[in-house]
C-alpha atoms as a PDB file:
ATOM      1  CA  UNK A   1      23.089  -8.794 -18.836  1.00  0.00           C
ATOM      2  CA  UNK A   2      23.274  -5.323 -17.288  1.00  0.00           C
ATOM      3  CA  UNK A   3      19.593  -4.686 -18.088  1.00  0.00           C
ATOM      4  CA  UNK A   4      18.641  -7.922 -16.389  1.00  0.00           C
ATOM      5  CA  UNK A   5      20.494  -6.977 -13.166  1.00  0.00           C
ATOM      6  CA  UNK A   6      18.910  -3.541 -13.192  1.00  0.00           C
ATOM      7  CA  UNK A   7      15.476  -5.119 -13.580  1.00  0.00           C
ATOM      8  CA  UNK A   8      16.130  -7.528 -10.680  1.00  0.00           C
ATOM      9  CA  UNK A   9      17.268  -4.649  -8.419  1.00  0.00           C
ATOM     10  CA  UNK A  10      14.216  -2.557  -9.388  1.00  0.00           C
ATOM     11  CA  UNK A  11      11.816  -5.445  -8.680  1.00  0.00           C
ATOM     12  CA  UNK A  12      13.534  -6.167  -5.351  1.00  0.00           C
ATOM     13  CA  UNK A  13      13.280  -2.516  -4.278  1.00  0.00           C
ATOM     14  CA  UNK A  14       9.631  -2.389  -5.305  1.00  0.00           C
ATOM     15  CA  UNK A  15       8.953  -5.561  -3.318  1.00  0.00           C
ATOM     16  CA  UNK A  16      10.712  -4.185  -0.214  1.00  0.00           C
ATOM     17  CA  UNK A  17       8.762  -0.922  -0.533  1.00  0.00           C
ATOM     18  CA  UNK A  18       5.432  -2.743  -0.946  1.00  0.00           C
ATOM     19  CA  UNK A  19       6.019  -5.077   2.016  1.00  0.00           C
ATOM     20  CA  UNK A  20       7.106  -2.161   4.233  1.00  0.00           C
ATOM     21  CA  UNK A  21       4.061  -0.108   3.243  1.00  0.00           C
ATOM     22  CA  UNK A  22       1.682  -3.025   3.910  1.00  0.00           C
ATOM     23  CA  UNK A  23       3.302  -3.747   7.261  1.00  0.00           C
ATOM     24  CA  UNK A  24       2.931  -0.093   8.391  1.00  0.00           C
ATOM     25  CA  UNK A  25      -0.593   0.236   6.994  1.00  0.00           C
ATOM     26  CA  UNK A  26      -1.779  -2.832   8.888  1.00  0.00           C
ATOM     27  CA  UNK A  27      -1.671  -0.853  12.160  1.00  0.00           C
ATOM     28  CA  UNK A  28      -3.532   2.212  10.875  1.00  0.00           C
ATOM     29  CA  UNK A  29      -6.986   2.832  12.313  1.00  0.00           C
ATOM     30  CA  UNK A  30      -6.450   0.611  15.344  1.00  0.00           C
ATOM     31  CA  UNK A  31      -5.480   2.435  18.507  1.00  0.00           C
ATOM     32  CA  UNK A  32      -4.050   0.524  21.433  1.00  0.00           C
ATOM     33  CA  UNK A  33      -5.854   1.711  24.518  1.00  0.00           C
ATOM     34  CA  UNK A  34      -5.362   1.221  28.241  1.00  0.00           C
ATOM     35  CA  UNK A  35      -8.754   0.253  29.680  1.00  0.00           C
ATOM     36  CA  UNK A  36      -9.838   2.005  32.866  1.00  0.00           C
ATOM     37  CA  UNK A  37     -12.592   0.158  34.744  1.00  0.00           C
ATOM     38  CA  UNK A  38     -16.092   1.604  35.004  1.00  0.00           C
ATOM     39  CA  UNK A  39     -16.171   4.213  37.774  1.00  0.00           C
ATOM     40  CA  UNK A  40     -12.376   4.226  38.123  1.00  0.00           C
ATOM     41  CA  UNK A  41     -10.153   7.201  37.380  1.00  0.00           C
ATOM     42  CA  UNK A  42      -6.917   7.605  35.456  1.00  0.00           C
ATOM     43  CA  UNK A  43      -4.201  10.253  35.345  1.00  0.00           C
ATOM     44  CA  UNK A  44      -2.908  11.672  32.066  1.00  0.00           C
ATOM     45  CA  UNK A  45      -0.286  14.434  32.076  1.00  0.00           C
ATOM     46  CA  UNK A  46      -1.163  15.311  35.685  1.00  0.00           C
ATOM     47  CA  UNK A  47      -4.924  15.466  35.052  1.00  0.00           C
ATOM     48  CA  UNK A  48      -7.234  12.958  36.748  1.00  0.00           C
ATOM     49  CA  UNK A  49     -10.216  11.840  34.621  1.00  0.00           C
ATOM     50  CA  UNK A  50     -13.265   9.749  35.507  1.00  0.00           C
ATOM     51  CA  UNK A  51     -16.295   8.904  33.364  1.00  0.00           C
ATOM     52  CA  UNK A  52     -19.400  10.072  35.219  1.00  0.00           C
ATOM     53  CA  UNK A  53     -22.064   9.040  32.733  1.00  0.00           C
ATOM     54  CA  UNK A  54     -23.031   8.079  29.194  1.00  0.00           C
ATOM     55  CA  UNK A  55     -26.637   8.973  28.453  1.00  0.00           C
ATOM     56  CA  UNK A  56     -28.540   8.362  25.241  1.00  0.00           C
ATOM     57  CA  UNK A  57     -31.236  10.535  23.736  1.00  0.00           C
ATOM     58  CA  UNK A  58     -32.944  11.362  20.457  1.00  0.00           C
ATOM     59  CA  UNK A  59     -32.581  15.097  21.090  1.00  0.00           C
ATOM     60  CA  UNK A  60     -30.441  17.359  23.266  1.00  0.00           C
ATOM     61  CA  UNK A  61     -30.636  21.085  24.003  1.00  0.00           C
ATOM     62  CA  UNK A  62     -27.507  23.045  23.154  1.00  0.00           C
ATOM     63  CA  UNK A  63     -26.197  25.921  25.272  1.00  0.00           C
ATOM     64  CA  UNK A  64     -27.539  28.251  22.561  1.00  0.00           C
ATOM     65  CA  UNK A  65     -31.032  26.825  23.292  1.00  0.00           C
ATOM     66  CA  UNK A  66     -30.971  25.009  19.955  1.00  0.00           C
ATOM     67  CA  UNK A  67     -32.341  21.479  19.791  1.00  0.00           C
ATOM     68  CA  UNK A  68     -29.940  18.924  18.370  1.00  0.00           C
ATOM     69  CA  UNK A  69     -31.890  16.010  16.920  1.00  0.00           C
ATOM     70  CA  UNK A  70     -30.300  12.679  16.014  1.00  0.00           C
ATOM     71  CA  UNK A  71     -30.400  11.850  12.330  1.00  0.00           C
ATOM     72  CA  UNK A  72     -32.490   8.897  11.250  1.00  0.00           C
ATOM     73  CA  UNK A  73     -30.886   5.623  12.342  1.00  0.00           C
ATOM     74  CA  UNK A  74     -28.619   7.307  14.904  1.00  0.00           C
ATOM     75  CA  UNK A  75     -28.654   8.063  18.621  1.00  0.00           C
ATOM     76  CA  UNK A  76     -27.073  10.924  20.546  1.00  0.00           C
ATOM     77  CA  UNK A  77     -24.737   9.928  23.370  1.00  0.00           C
ATOM     78  CA  UNK A  78     -23.885  12.566  25.972  1.00  0.00           C
ATOM     79  CA  UNK A  79     -20.701  11.811  27.899  1.00  0.00           C
ATOM     80  CA  UNK A  80     -19.873  13.575  31.159  1.00  0.00           C
ATOM     81  CA  UNK A  81     -16.308  13.291  32.440  1.00  0.00           C
ATOM     82  CA  UNK A  82     -15.022  14.765  35.713  1.00  0.00           C
ATOM     83  CA  UNK A  83     -11.482  16.072  35.834  1.00  0.00           C
ATOM     84  CA  UNK A  84      -8.996  17.422  38.348  1.00  0.00           C
ATOM     85  CA  UNK A  85      -6.322  19.546  36.687  1.00  0.00           C
ATOM     86  CA  UNK A  86      -4.956  21.194  39.846  1.00  0.00           C
ATOM     87  CA  UNK A  87      -1.683  19.256  39.556  1.00  0.00           C
ATOM     88  CA  UNK A  88      -1.261  19.695  35.781  1.00  0.00           C
ATOM     89  CA  UNK A  89       2.052  21.222  34.733  1.00  0.00           C
ATOM     90  CA  UNK A  90       1.205  21.534  31.042  1.00  0.00           C
ATOM     91  CA  UNK A  91      -1.787  22.980  29.176  1.00  0.00           C
ATOM     92  CA  UNK A  92      -4.894  20.832  29.633  1.00  0.00           C
ATOM     93  CA  UNK A  93      -6.829  19.557  26.646  1.00  0.00           C
ATOM     94  CA  UNK A  94      -9.956  17.538  27.266  1.00  0.00           C
ATOM     95  CA  UNK A  95     -10.240  15.801  23.923  1.00  0.00           C
ATOM     96  CA  UNK A  96     -12.488  12.769  23.899  1.00  0.00           C
ATOM     97  CA  UNK A  97     -13.842  10.221  21.457  1.00  0.00           C
ATOM     98  CA  UNK A  98     -16.540   7.602  21.832  1.00  0.00           C
ATOM     99  CA  UNK A  99     -15.095   4.124  21.258  1.00  0.00           C
ATOM    100  CA  UNK A 100     -16.787   0.935  20.022  1.00  0.00           C
ATOM    101  CA  UNK A 101     -14.088  -1.585  19.153  1.00  0.00           C
ATOM    102  CA  UNK A 102     -12.173  -0.336  16.114  1.00  0.00           C
ATOM    103  CA  UNK A 103     -14.800   2.364  15.460  1.00  0.00           C
ATOM    104  CA  UNK A 104     -14.738   5.747  17.151  1.00  0.00           C
ATOM    105  CA  UNK A 105     -16.556   9.059  16.902  1.00  0.00           C
ATOM    106  CA  UNK A 106     -15.397  12.601  17.533  1.00  0.00           C
ATOM    107  CA  UNK A 107     -17.669  14.990  19.441  1.00  0.00           C
ATOM    108  CA  UNK A 108     -20.326  16.869  17.498  1.00  0.00           C
ATOM    109  CA  UNK A 109     -18.961  20.163  16.190  1.00  0.00           C
ATOM    110  CA  UNK A 110     -20.904  23.271  17.130  1.00  0.00           C
ATOM    111  CA  UNK A 111     -22.639  21.726  20.136  1.00  0.00           C
ATOM    112  CA  UNK A 112     -22.200  23.605  23.386  1.00  0.00           C
ATOM    113  CA  UNK A 113     -23.407  22.229  26.685  1.00  0.00           C
ATOM    114  CA  UNK A 114     -26.174  24.032  28.594  1.00  0.00           C
ATOM    115  CA  UNK A 115     -25.142  26.802  30.965  1.00  0.00           C
ATOM    116  CA  UNK A 116     -23.398  25.469  34.042  1.00  0.00           C
ATOM    117  CA  UNK A 117     -21.744  22.629  32.133  1.00  0.00           C
ATOM    118  CA  UNK A 118     -18.385  22.932  30.366  1.00  0.00           C
ATOM    119  CA  UNK A 119     -17.141  21.683  26.989  1.00  0.00           C
ATOM    120  CA  UNK A 120     -13.456  22.027  27.885  1.00  0.00           C
ATOM    121  CA  UNK A 121     -11.115  21.773  30.866  1.00  0.00           C
ATOM    122  CA  UNK A 122      -9.382  24.669  32.586  1.00  0.00           C
ATOM    123  CA  UNK A 123      -5.795  24.282  33.776  1.00  0.00           C
ATOM    124  CA  UNK A 124      -5.486  24.441  37.560  1.00  0.00           C
ATOM    125  CA  UNK A 125      -9.146  23.628  38.179  1.00  0.00           C
ATOM    126  CA  UNK A 126     -11.550  20.777  38.809  1.00  0.00           C
ATOM    127  CA  UNK A 127     -14.963  20.189  37.290  1.00  0.00           C
ATOM    128  CA  UNK A 128     -16.814  18.204  34.688  1.00  0.00           C
ATOM    129  CA  UNK A 129     -16.945  18.437  30.916  1.00  0.00           C
ATOM    130  CA  UNK A 130     -19.532  17.170  28.468  1.00  0.00           C
ATOM    131  CA  UNK A 131     -19.159  15.864  24.936  1.00  0.00           C
ATOM    132  CA  UNK A 132     -21.952  14.938  22.546  1.00  0.00           C
ATOM    133  CA  UNK A 133     -21.592  12.117  20.024  1.00  0.00           C
ATOM    134  CA  UNK A 134     -23.919  10.918  17.279  1.00  0.00           C
ATOM    135  CA  UNK A 135     -23.680   7.151  16.882  1.00  0.00           C
ATOM    136  CA  UNK A 136     -25.367   4.805  14.400  1.00  0.00           C
ATOM    137  CA  UNK A 137     -27.877   2.729  16.366  1.00  0.00           C
ATOM    138  CA  UNK A 138     -26.232  -0.481  15.161  1.00  0.00           C
ATOM    139  CA  UNK A 139     -23.059   0.455  17.070  1.00  0.00           C
ATOM    140  CA  UNK A 140     -24.729   1.550  20.296  1.00  0.00           C
ATOM    141  CA  UNK A 141     -24.586  -1.896  21.901  1.00  0.00           C
ATOM    142  CA  UNK A 142     -20.854  -2.099  21.136  1.00  0.00           C
ATOM    143  CA  UNK A 143     -19.857   1.206  22.755  1.00  0.00           C
ATOM    144  CA  UNK A 144     -17.094   0.535  25.270  1.00  0.00           C
ATOM    145  CA  UNK A 145     -16.653   4.008  26.700  1.00  0.00           C
ATOM    146  CA  UNK A 146     -14.904   7.327  26.232  1.00  0.00           C
ATOM    147  CA  UNK A 147     -11.344   7.488  24.987  1.00  0.00           C
ATOM    148  CA  UNK A 148      -9.044  10.299  26.035  1.00  0.00           C
ATOM    149  CA  UNK A 149      -7.117  11.572  23.050  1.00  0.00           C
ATOM    150  CA  UNK A 150      -3.629  12.180  24.364  1.00  0.00           C
ATOM    151  CA  UNK A 151      -0.950  12.624  21.698  1.00  0.00           C
ATOM    152  CA  UNK A 152       1.893  12.523  24.251  1.00  0.00           C
ATOM    153  CA  UNK A 153       1.479   8.989  25.535  1.00  0.00           C
ATOM    154  CA  UNK A 154      -0.979   6.265  26.458  1.00  0.00           C
ATOM    155  CA  UNK A 155      -4.550   6.456  25.229  1.00  0.00           C
ATOM    156  CA  UNK A 156      -6.820   5.589  28.165  1.00  0.00           C
ATOM    157  CA  UNK A 157     -10.321   4.255  27.557  1.00  0.00           C
ATOM    158  CA  UNK A 158     -12.757   5.122  30.347  1.00  0.00           C
ATOM    159  CA  UNK A 159     -15.053   2.109  30.272  1.00  0.00           C
ATOM    160  CA  UNK A 160     -18.772   2.662  30.503  1.00  0.00           C
ATOM    161  CA  UNK A 161     -22.027   1.617  28.862  1.00  0.00           C
ATOM    162  CA  UNK A 162     -24.552   4.094  27.506  1.00  0.00           C
ATOM    163  CA  UNK A 163     -27.880   4.010  29.188  1.00  0.00           C
END
């Protein structure tokens, strides 16, 4: 009888663990975002952001004068975002991702914008930053815009279509 009760408790605990794990895992990979209309701006941690443009290309020149060429079946998307960090009271991080529904892409590592353009924001300043993304061509029509990666709060999505 004791073995039977122990088995029932073990199965019940396993069931509770499994249901809890499935419930938590169901939300993974899907980020709730606050949509910011095309051409509109949003403020995150005292920094004002606005999507200036999303341009597509098969090749882009890096700040090191290197040519970055899209891999077969992909397209390069260059995002330009203006920012105003003059009122920021904390360090400013301009971390972006390109968003297409539940899919998103981080900027290309190693790419630096041409001289005169920036790849990061400076606290206490205003300007524009650029990020380069490589996107499978099948997702290009579903791109919604540029998401601001902000671990301290809301995750705004600056709406815009690549062109």
